[in-house]
Structure formats: structure tokens, C-alpha cells
Amino acid sequence: MTVSFATEPATIPQRLTIGGAALGLALAAGLGAAWADLPLAPQPAFLPFYAALVIVTDLVTAYLLAVQVRITRQVPLLPLTAAYLYSGLIVIPHILTFPGVAADSGLLGAGRQSAVWLWVSWHGGFPLLILTHAVVEARAAGRR
């Protein structure tokens, strides 16, 4: 069996680093809560920029996972690859139908709820695919 990052367990220093990062993020969120009710000026470029970042990071992650599947032949990684591919691709119609981004009422024949339902599909489909990965991984581990 090929050894890779996907098959190696995290070391204690890696776990401590992630724990410290999570604690730092929680602390920053707690400190930011004091300004949570302060309205900010509109930033029209924020949504397209955010969508572009999500598309690039999710599609690169899907590609790297697909390469990992090809190298290690680990079938349980396929649903994880599909999750990131799905997430990277569904952002495209979501941002195009979002009102005020590409057009005042959105593109692609968008209705009033199109962007909302795409968002629900995005944030519901991704976790379902992650859960599928967990189930497949657990079944594969039971067979070993």
C-alpha cells in the first residue's frame, strides 16, 4: 500500500498546531462580537471575490484529491473528491443568479429565490457528500 498524507495519522505536534489555530479563531470571533451590530459600508466586489476564491480552492482541492485517488487507489476518497468538485462548481450558478452581482435581478433566468435555493443546495449537498465519505471510509476500515 502506498503511504501518503491521506493514509498517515496526524502527529501530536500537528494536532497541537490545529488546536491552537482553532483556539485563535475562536478568540478572534469572540473579540469581534463586540462590533457585530456595527453596519459596514457596502462592498460590491466582495461576493464575486469570495466566489472566485471558493471556486479556485475547492476545484484545486478536488483535483488534488483525484490525483490522490489515482495514486493510492483508495475508493473512500472518491466521495470526498466529489464533494469538493460539487462545491466548486455550484458556486458558479449561485453567484450568477445572486441579485446585484452580474445583473440587478441575477442572470440565468433567476427568480426571487434562485440564489437562495442554490445556496441551500450548496450547503446541504457538500455535507451530505462528506457524510458519504465517512460512511464509505468506515465500511472500508471494517473490511481491512
N, C-alpha and C. Protein backbone atom coordinates (compact mmCIF):
# COMPACT_ATOMS: atom_id res chain seq x y z
N MET A 1 0.85 -1.19 0.00
CA MET A 1 0.00 0.00 0.00
C MET A 1 0.89 1.24 0.00
N THR A 2 0.53 2.22 -0.78
CA THR A 2 1.29 3.45 -0.90
C THR A 2 1.03 4.34 0.31
N VAL A 3 2.08 4.88 0.88
CA VAL A 3 1.96 5.80 2.02
C VAL A 3 1.77 7.21 1.47
N SER A 4 0.80 7.91 2.01
CA SER A 4 0.54 9.29 1.59
C SER A 4 -0.03 10.08 2.76
N PHE A 5 -0.24 11.36 2.54
CA PHE A 5 -0.84 12.19 3.58
C PHE A 5 -2.25 11.73 3.91
N ALA A 6 -2.92 11.13 2.94
CA ALA A 6 -4.29 10.67 3.15
C ALA A 6 -4.34 9.44 4.05
N THR A 7 -3.24 8.69 4.13
CA THR A 7 -3.26 7.45 4.91
C THR A 7 -2.52 7.57 6.24
N GLU A 8 -1.75 8.62 6.43
CA GLU A 8 -0.98 8.78 7.66
C GLU A 8 -1.79 9.52 8.71
N PRO A 9 -1.77 9.04 9.95
CA PRO A 9 -2.47 9.78 11.02
C PRO A 9 -1.70 11.04 11.39
N ALA A 10 -2.41 12.02 11.93
CA ALA A 10 -1.79 13.27 12.34
C ALA A 10 -0.90 13.03 13.55
N THR A 11 0.24 13.72 13.58
CA THR A 11 1.15 13.61 14.72
C THR A 11 0.67 14.55 15.83
N ILE A 12 1.24 14.39 17.01
CA ILE A 12 0.85 15.24 18.15
C ILE A 12 1.16 16.70 17.88
N PRO A 13 2.35 17.07 17.34
CA PRO A 13 2.57 18.48 17.03
C PRO A 13 1.58 19.04 16.01
N GLN A 14 1.19 18.23 15.05
CA GLN A 14 0.19 18.69 14.07
C GLN A 14 -1.16 18.92 14.74
N ARG A 15 -1.53 18.02 15.63
CA ARG A 15 -2.80 18.20 16.36
C ARG A 15 -2.76 19.43 17.26
N LEU A 16 -1.63 19.68 17.90
CA LEU A 16 -1.49 20.87 18.75
C LEU A 16 -1.55 22.14 17.91
N THR A 17 -0.94 22.12 16.74
CA THR A 17 -0.97 23.28 15.86
C THR A 17 -2.40 23.59 15.43
N ILE A 18 -3.14 22.57 15.03
CA ILE A 18 -4.53 22.77 14.61
C ILE A 18 -5.39 23.23 15.79
N GLY A 19 -5.16 22.64 16.97
CA GLY A 19 -5.90 23.06 18.16
C GLY A 19 -5.63 24.52 18.49
N GLY A 20 -4.36 24.93 18.38
CA GLY A 20 -4.00 26.33 18.63
C GLY A 20 -4.65 27.27 17.62
N ALA A 21 -4.66 26.86 16.36
CA ALA A 21 -5.29 27.68 15.32
C ALA A 21 -6.79 27.80 15.58
N ALA A 22 -7.44 26.70 15.97
CA ALA A 22 -8.87 26.74 16.25
C ALA A 22 -9.16 27.64 17.46
N LEU A 23 -8.32 27.55 18.47
CA LEU A 23 -8.49 28.40 19.64
C LEU A 23 -8.30 29.87 19.28
N GLY A 24 -7.31 30.16 18.44
CA GLY A 24 -7.08 31.53 17.99
C GLY A 24 -8.26 32.08 17.20
N LEU A 25 -8.83 31.25 16.33
CA LEU A 25 -10.01 31.69 15.57
C LEU A 25 -11.20 31.94 16.49
N ALA A 26 -11.39 31.06 17.46
CA ALA A 26 -12.49 31.24 18.41
C ALA A 26 -12.30 32.53 19.22
N LEU A 27 -11.08 32.81 19.62
CA LEU A 27 -10.78 34.03 20.36
C LEU A 27 -11.03 35.26 19.50
N ALA A 28 -10.58 35.22 18.25
CA ALA A 28 -10.80 36.35 17.35
C ALA A 28 -12.30 36.58 17.11
N ALA A 29 -13.06 35.51 16.97
CA ALA A 29 -14.51 35.64 16.78
C ALA A 29 -15.15 36.24 18.03
N GLY A 30 -14.68 35.81 19.19
CA GLY A 30 -15.21 36.36 20.43
C GLY A 30 -14.91 37.85 20.58
N LEU A 31 -13.70 38.25 20.21
CA LEU A 31 -13.35 39.66 20.27
C LEU A 31 -14.12 40.48 19.25
N GLY A 32 -14.39 39.89 18.09
CA GLY A 32 -15.14 40.59 17.05
C GLY A 32 -16.61 40.73 17.37
N ALA A 33 -17.12 39.95 18.32
CA ALA A 33 -18.54 40.01 18.66
C ALA A 33 -18.95 41.37 19.19
N ALA A 34 -18.01 42.12 19.75
CA ALA A 34 -18.33 43.45 20.28
C ALA A 34 -18.77 44.40 19.17
N TRP A 35 -18.31 44.18 17.96
CA TRP A 35 -18.65 45.04 16.83
C TRP A 35 -19.64 44.38 15.88
N ALA A 36 -20.30 43.34 16.30
CA ALA A 36 -21.18 42.57 15.42
C ALA A 36 -22.38 43.39 14.94
N ASP A 37 -22.86 44.34 15.72
CA ASP A 37 -24.04 45.10 15.32
C ASP A 37 -23.69 46.38 14.56
N LEU A 38 -22.42 46.62 14.30
CA LEU A 38 -21.98 47.81 13.58
C LEU A 38 -22.10 47.58 12.08
N PRO A 39 -22.96 48.33 11.37
CA PRO A 39 -23.09 48.12 9.92
C PRO A 39 -21.85 48.63 9.18
N LEU A 40 -21.44 47.90 8.17
CA LEU A 40 -20.29 48.30 7.37
C LEU A 40 -20.76 48.90 6.05
N ALA A 41 -19.89 49.61 5.39
CA ALA A 41 -20.22 50.18 4.08
C ALA A 41 -20.34 49.04 3.07
N PRO A 42 -21.24 49.18 2.10
CA PRO A 42 -21.39 48.14 1.07
C PRO A 42 -20.09 47.93 0.29
N GLN A 43 -19.77 46.69 0.02
CA GLN A 43 -18.59 46.32 -0.77
C GLN A 43 -19.07 45.46 -1.94
N PRO A 44 -19.40 46.06 -3.08
CA PRO A 44 -19.98 45.29 -4.17
C PRO A 44 -19.04 44.22 -4.74
N ALA A 45 -17.75 44.38 -4.60
CA ALA A 45 -16.82 43.40 -5.16
C ALA A 45 -16.59 42.21 -4.23
N PHE A 46 -17.14 42.24 -3.03
CA PHE A 46 -16.86 41.18 -2.07
C PHE A 46 -17.39 39.83 -2.53
N LEU A 47 -18.65 39.76 -2.95
CA LEU A 47 -19.24 38.48 -3.34
C LEU A 47 -18.54 37.83 -4.54
N PRO A 48 -18.25 38.56 -5.62
CA PRO A 48 -17.52 37.92 -6.71
C PRO A 48 -16.12 37.47 -6.29
N PHE A 49 -15.46 38.25 -5.46
CA PHE A 49 -14.13 37.88 -4.98
C PHE A 49 -14.21 36.62 -4.12
N TYR A 50 -15.17 36.58 -3.22
CA TYR A 50 -15.36 35.41 -2.37
C TYR A 50 -15.68 34.17 -3.20
N ALA A 51 -16.58 34.33 -4.18
CA ALA A 51 -16.94 33.21 -5.04
C ALA A 51 -15.74 32.70 -5.82
N ALA A 52 -14.93 33.61 -6.33
CA ALA A 52 -13.73 33.20 -7.07
C ALA A 52 -12.78 32.42 -6.17
N LEU A 53 -12.62 32.86 -4.94
CA LEU A 53 -11.75 32.13 -4.00
C LEU A 53 -12.29 30.73 -3.71
N VAL A 54 -13.60 30.63 -3.50
CA VAL A 54 -14.21 29.33 -3.23
C VAL A 54 -14.04 28.40 -4.43
N ILE A 55 -14.30 28.94 -5.62
CA ILE A 55 -14.18 28.13 -6.83
C ILE A 55 -12.77 27.59 -6.99
N VAL A 56 -11.79 28.47 -6.87
CA VAL A 56 -10.39 28.06 -7.06
C VAL A 56 -9.96 27.07 -5.99
N THR A 57 -10.21 27.37 -4.73
CA THR A 57 -9.74 26.47 -3.67
C THR A 57 -10.45 25.12 -3.71
N ASP A 58 -11.75 25.11 -3.96
CA ASP A 58 -12.47 23.84 -4.00
C ASP A 58 -12.08 23.00 -5.21
N LEU A 59 -11.91 23.63 -6.36
CA LEU A 59 -11.53 22.86 -7.55
C LEU A 59 -10.09 22.36 -7.46
N VAL A 60 -9.20 23.14 -6.88
CA VAL A 60 -7.82 22.67 -6.68
C VAL A 60 -7.82 21.51 -5.67
N THR A 61 -8.61 21.62 -4.61
CA THR A 61 -8.71 20.53 -3.64
C THR A 61 -9.26 19.27 -4.30
N ALA A 62 -10.30 19.43 -5.13
CA ALA A 62 -10.87 18.27 -5.83
C ALA A 62 -9.83 17.63 -6.74
N TYR A 63 -9.06 18.45 -7.43
CA TYR A 63 -8.02 17.92 -8.31
C TYR A 63 -6.97 17.15 -7.51
N LEU A 64 -6.51 17.74 -6.41
CA LEU A 64 -5.50 17.06 -5.58
C LEU A 64 -6.03 15.75 -5.00
N LEU A 65 -7.29 15.74 -4.60
CA LEU A 65 -7.88 14.50 -4.09
C LEU A 65 -8.02 13.47 -5.21
N ALA A 66 -8.38 13.91 -6.41
CA ALA A 66 -8.49 12.98 -7.53
C ALA A 66 -7.13 12.37 -7.86
N VAL A 67 -6.09 13.16 -7.80
CA VAL A 67 -4.73 12.63 -8.02
C VAL A 67 -4.39 11.63 -6.92
N GLN A 68 -4.78 11.95 -5.69
CA GLN A 68 -4.52 11.04 -4.57
C GLN A 68 -5.25 9.71 -4.77
N VAL A 69 -6.48 9.78 -5.26
CA VAL A 69 -7.25 8.55 -5.54
C VAL A 69 -6.53 7.74 -6.61
N ARG A 70 -6.05 8.43 -7.62
CA ARG A 70 -5.37 7.72 -8.71
C ARG A 70 -4.08 7.06 -8.24
N ILE A 71 -3.35 7.72 -7.35
CA ILE A 71 -2.07 7.17 -6.87
C ILE A 71 -2.31 6.02 -5.89
N THR A 72 -3.19 6.24 -4.92
CA THR A 72 -3.36 5.26 -3.84
C THR A 72 -4.46 4.24 -4.10
N ARG A 73 -5.32 4.49 -5.08
CA ARG A 73 -6.45 3.60 -5.39
C ARG A 73 -7.39 3.45 -4.19
N GLN A 74 -7.53 4.50 -3.41
CA GLN A 74 -8.42 4.47 -2.25
C GLN A 74 -9.80 4.97 -2.65
N VAL A 75 -10.71 4.06 -2.81
CA VAL A 75 -12.08 4.39 -3.23
C VAL A 75 -12.79 5.30 -2.23
N PRO A 76 -12.56 5.19 -0.92
CA PRO A 76 -13.25 6.09 0.01
C PRO A 76 -12.98 7.57 -0.22
N LEU A 77 -11.92 7.91 -0.94
CA LEU A 77 -11.64 9.31 -1.21
C LEU A 77 -12.51 9.87 -2.35
N LEU A 78 -13.17 8.99 -3.11
CA LEU A 78 -13.99 9.47 -4.23
C LEU A 78 -15.15 10.37 -3.79
N PRO A 79 -15.93 10.01 -2.75
CA PRO A 79 -16.99 10.94 -2.33
C PRO A 79 -16.44 12.28 -1.83
N LEU A 80 -15.27 12.25 -1.22
CA LEU A 80 -14.64 13.49 -0.77
C LEU A 80 -14.24 14.35 -1.97
N THR A 81 -13.71 13.71 -2.99
CA THR A 81 -13.37 14.41 -4.24
C THR A 81 -14.64 15.00 -4.86
N ALA A 82 -15.70 14.21 -4.90
CA ALA A 82 -16.97 14.68 -5.46
C ALA A 82 -17.52 15.86 -4.66
N ALA A 83 -17.34 15.84 -3.34
CA ALA A 83 -17.84 16.93 -2.50
C ALA A 83 -17.18 18.25 -2.88
N TYR A 84 -15.87 18.24 -3.03
CA TYR A 84 -15.17 19.48 -3.38
C TYR A 84 -15.43 19.91 -4.81
N LEU A 85 -15.58 18.95 -5.71
CA LEU A 85 -15.92 19.28 -7.09
C LEU A 85 -17.31 19.91 -7.14
N TYR A 86 -18.26 19.32 -6.43
CA TYR A 86 -19.63 19.85 -6.36
C TYR A 86 -19.62 21.26 -5.79
N SER A 87 -18.91 21.45 -4.69
CA SER A 87 -18.87 22.76 -4.04
C SER A 87 -18.26 23.82 -4.95
N GLY A 88 -17.19 23.45 -5.65
CA GLY A 88 -16.56 24.41 -6.55
C GLY A 88 -17.41 24.77 -7.74
N LEU A 89 -18.19 23.81 -8.23
CA LEU A 89 -19.00 24.06 -9.43
C LEU A 89 -20.34 24.72 -9.15
N ILE A 90 -20.96 24.43 -8.00
CA ILE A 90 -22.27 25.02 -7.73
C ILE A 90 -22.17 26.51 -7.38
N VAL A 91 -20.99 26.95 -7.01
CA VAL A 91 -20.81 28.38 -6.71
C VAL A 91 -21.00 29.22 -7.98
N ILE A 92 -20.68 28.66 -9.13
CA ILE A 92 -20.77 29.42 -10.38
C ILE A 92 -22.21 29.86 -10.66
N PRO A 93 -23.20 28.93 -10.72
CA PRO A 93 -24.57 29.42 -10.93
C PRO A 93 -25.09 30.22 -9.74
N HIS A 94 -24.61 29.91 -8.54
CA HIS A 94 -25.06 30.66 -7.37
C HIS A 94 -24.69 32.13 -7.49
N ILE A 95 -23.45 32.40 -7.83
CA ILE A 95 -23.02 33.80 -7.90
C ILE A 95 -23.64 34.51 -9.11
N LEU A 96 -23.89 33.76 -10.19
CA LEU A 96 -24.51 34.37 -11.37
C LEU A 96 -25.98 34.71 -11.14
N THR A 97 -26.67 33.96 -10.28
CA THR A 97 -28.08 34.24 -10.01
C THR A 97 -28.27 35.19 -8.83
N PHE A 98 -27.19 35.50 -8.13
CA PHE A 98 -27.29 36.38 -6.96
C PHE A 98 -27.65 37.80 -7.43
N PRO A 99 -28.70 38.39 -6.87
CA PRO A 99 -29.10 39.73 -7.30
C PRO A 99 -28.02 40.77 -7.01
N GLY A 100 -27.76 41.59 -8.00
CA GLY A 100 -26.82 42.68 -7.83
C GLY A 100 -25.37 42.33 -8.13
N VAL A 101 -25.06 41.09 -8.43
CA VAL A 101 -23.68 40.74 -8.73
C VAL A 101 -23.40 40.90 -10.21
N ALA A 102 -24.06 40.13 -11.06
CA ALA A 102 -23.86 40.23 -12.50
C ALA A 102 -24.95 41.07 -13.16
N ALA A 103 -26.11 41.12 -12.56
CA ALA A 103 -27.23 41.94 -13.05
C ALA A 103 -28.11 42.27 -11.84
N ASP A 104 -28.96 43.27 -12.00
CA ASP A 104 -29.79 43.69 -10.86
C ASP A 104 -30.67 42.58 -10.31
N SER A 105 -31.22 41.74 -11.20
CA SER A 105 -32.08 40.65 -10.73
C SER A 105 -31.42 39.29 -10.87
N GLY A 106 -30.14 39.24 -11.22
CA GLY A 106 -29.44 37.98 -11.41
C GLY A 106 -29.55 37.50 -12.84
N LEU A 107 -28.67 36.60 -13.21
CA LEU A 107 -28.65 36.06 -14.57
C LEU A 107 -29.27 34.66 -14.59
N LEU A 108 -29.20 34.01 -15.72
CA LEU A 108 -29.66 32.63 -15.91
C LEU A 108 -31.16 32.47 -15.65
N GLY A 109 -31.95 33.52 -15.91
CA GLY A 109 -33.38 33.45 -15.70
C GLY A 109 -33.74 33.31 -14.23
N ALA A 110 -32.98 33.94 -13.38
CA ALA A 110 -33.15 33.80 -11.93
C ALA A 110 -34.46 34.38 -11.45
N GLY A 111 -35.10 33.63 -10.56
CA GLY A 111 -36.27 34.13 -9.86
C GLY A 111 -35.84 34.75 -8.54
N ARG A 112 -36.82 35.10 -7.74
CA ARG A 112 -36.51 35.75 -6.47
C ARG A 112 -35.79 34.83 -5.49
N GLN A 113 -36.01 33.52 -5.62
CA GLN A 113 -35.43 32.57 -4.67
C GLN A 113 -34.32 31.70 -5.27
N SER A 114 -33.92 31.95 -6.50
CA SER A 114 -32.94 31.09 -7.17
C SER A 114 -31.62 31.02 -6.40
N ALA A 115 -31.08 32.18 -6.05
CA ALA A 115 -29.80 32.21 -5.34
C ALA A 115 -29.92 31.54 -3.97
N VAL A 116 -31.07 31.71 -3.32
CA VAL A 116 -31.27 31.09 -2.01
C VAL A 116 -31.26 29.57 -2.12
N TRP A 117 -31.99 29.03 -3.11
CA TRP A 117 -32.05 27.58 -3.26
C TRP A 117 -30.72 27.00 -3.71
N LEU A 118 -29.98 27.73 -4.50
CA LEU A 118 -28.63 27.26 -4.86
C LEU A 118 -27.73 27.26 -3.63
N TRP A 119 -27.88 28.26 -2.78
CA TRP A 119 -27.10 28.29 -1.54
C TRP A 119 -27.47 27.10 -0.65
N VAL A 120 -28.76 26.81 -0.53
CA VAL A 120 -29.22 25.67 0.26
C VAL A 120 -28.67 24.37 -0.33
N SER A 121 -28.71 24.24 -1.65
CA SER A 121 -28.17 23.04 -2.30
C SER A 121 -26.67 22.91 -2.05
N TRP A 122 -25.98 24.03 -2.12
CA TRP A 122 -24.53 24.04 -1.90
C TRP A 122 -24.21 23.62 -0.47
N HIS A 123 -24.86 24.25 0.51
CA HIS A 123 -24.55 23.98 1.91
C HIS A 123 -25.25 22.76 2.46
N GLY A 124 -26.09 22.12 1.67
CA GLY A 124 -26.68 20.84 2.04
C GLY A 124 -26.01 19.69 1.33
N GLY A 125 -25.68 19.88 0.06
CA GLY A 125 -25.05 18.81 -0.72
C GLY A 125 -23.64 18.51 -0.29
N PHE A 126 -22.87 19.53 0.03
CA PHE A 126 -21.48 19.32 0.45
C PHE A 126 -21.40 18.46 1.72
N PRO A 127 -22.14 18.79 2.79
CA PRO A 127 -22.08 17.93 3.98
C PRO A 127 -22.58 16.51 3.72
N LEU A 128 -23.59 16.36 2.86
CA LEU A 128 -24.07 15.01 2.54
C LEU A 128 -22.98 14.18 1.87
N LEU A 129 -22.23 14.79 0.98
CA LEU A 129 -21.14 14.08 0.34
C LEU A 129 -20.01 13.78 1.32
N ILE A 130 -19.77 14.68 2.26
CA ILE A 130 -18.77 14.43 3.30
C ILE A 130 -19.22 13.26 4.17
N LEU A 131 -20.50 13.21 4.52
CA LEU A 131 -21.03 12.08 5.29
C LEU A 131 -20.92 10.78 4.51
N THR A 132 -21.16 10.85 3.21
CA THR A 132 -20.99 9.67 2.36
C THR A 132 -19.55 9.18 2.42
N HIS A 133 -18.61 10.11 2.38
CA HIS A 133 -17.20 9.73 2.51
C HIS A 133 -16.95 9.04 3.84
N ALA A 134 -17.52 9.57 4.92
CA ALA A 134 -17.31 8.97 6.24
C ALA A 134 -17.88 7.56 6.30
N VAL A 135 -19.06 7.36 5.71
CA VAL A 135 -19.66 6.02 5.71
C VAL A 135 -18.82 5.05 4.90
N VAL A 136 -18.39 5.47 3.70
CA VAL A 136 -17.57 4.61 2.85
C VAL A 136 -16.25 4.29 3.53
N GLU A 137 -15.66 5.29 4.17
CA GLU A 137 -14.38 5.10 4.89
C GLU A 137 -14.57 4.13 6.05
N ALA A 138 -15.66 4.24 6.79
CA ALA A 138 -15.90 3.34 7.92
C ALA A 138 -16.11 1.91 7.43
N ARG A 139 -16.83 1.75 6.34
CA ARG A 139 -17.04 0.40 5.80
C ARG A 139 -15.75 -0.19 5.28
N ALA A 140 -14.93 0.64 4.64
CA ALA A 140 -13.64 0.16 4.12
C ALA A 140 -12.71 -0.22 5.28
N ALA A 141 -12.74 0.54 6.35
CA ALA A 141 -11.90 0.23 7.52
C ALA A 141 -12.36 -1.07 8.18
N GLY A 142 -13.67 -1.34 8.13
CA GLY A 142 -14.19 -2.60 8.70
C GLY A 142 -13.76 -3.82 7.92
N ARG A 143 -13.50 -3.65 6.62
CA ARG A 143 -13.08 -4.76 5.79
C ARG A 143 -11.59 -5.07 5.92
N ARG A 144 -10.79 -4.09 6.37
CA ARG A 144 -9.34 -4.30 6.45
C ARG A 144 -8.96 -5.15 7.63
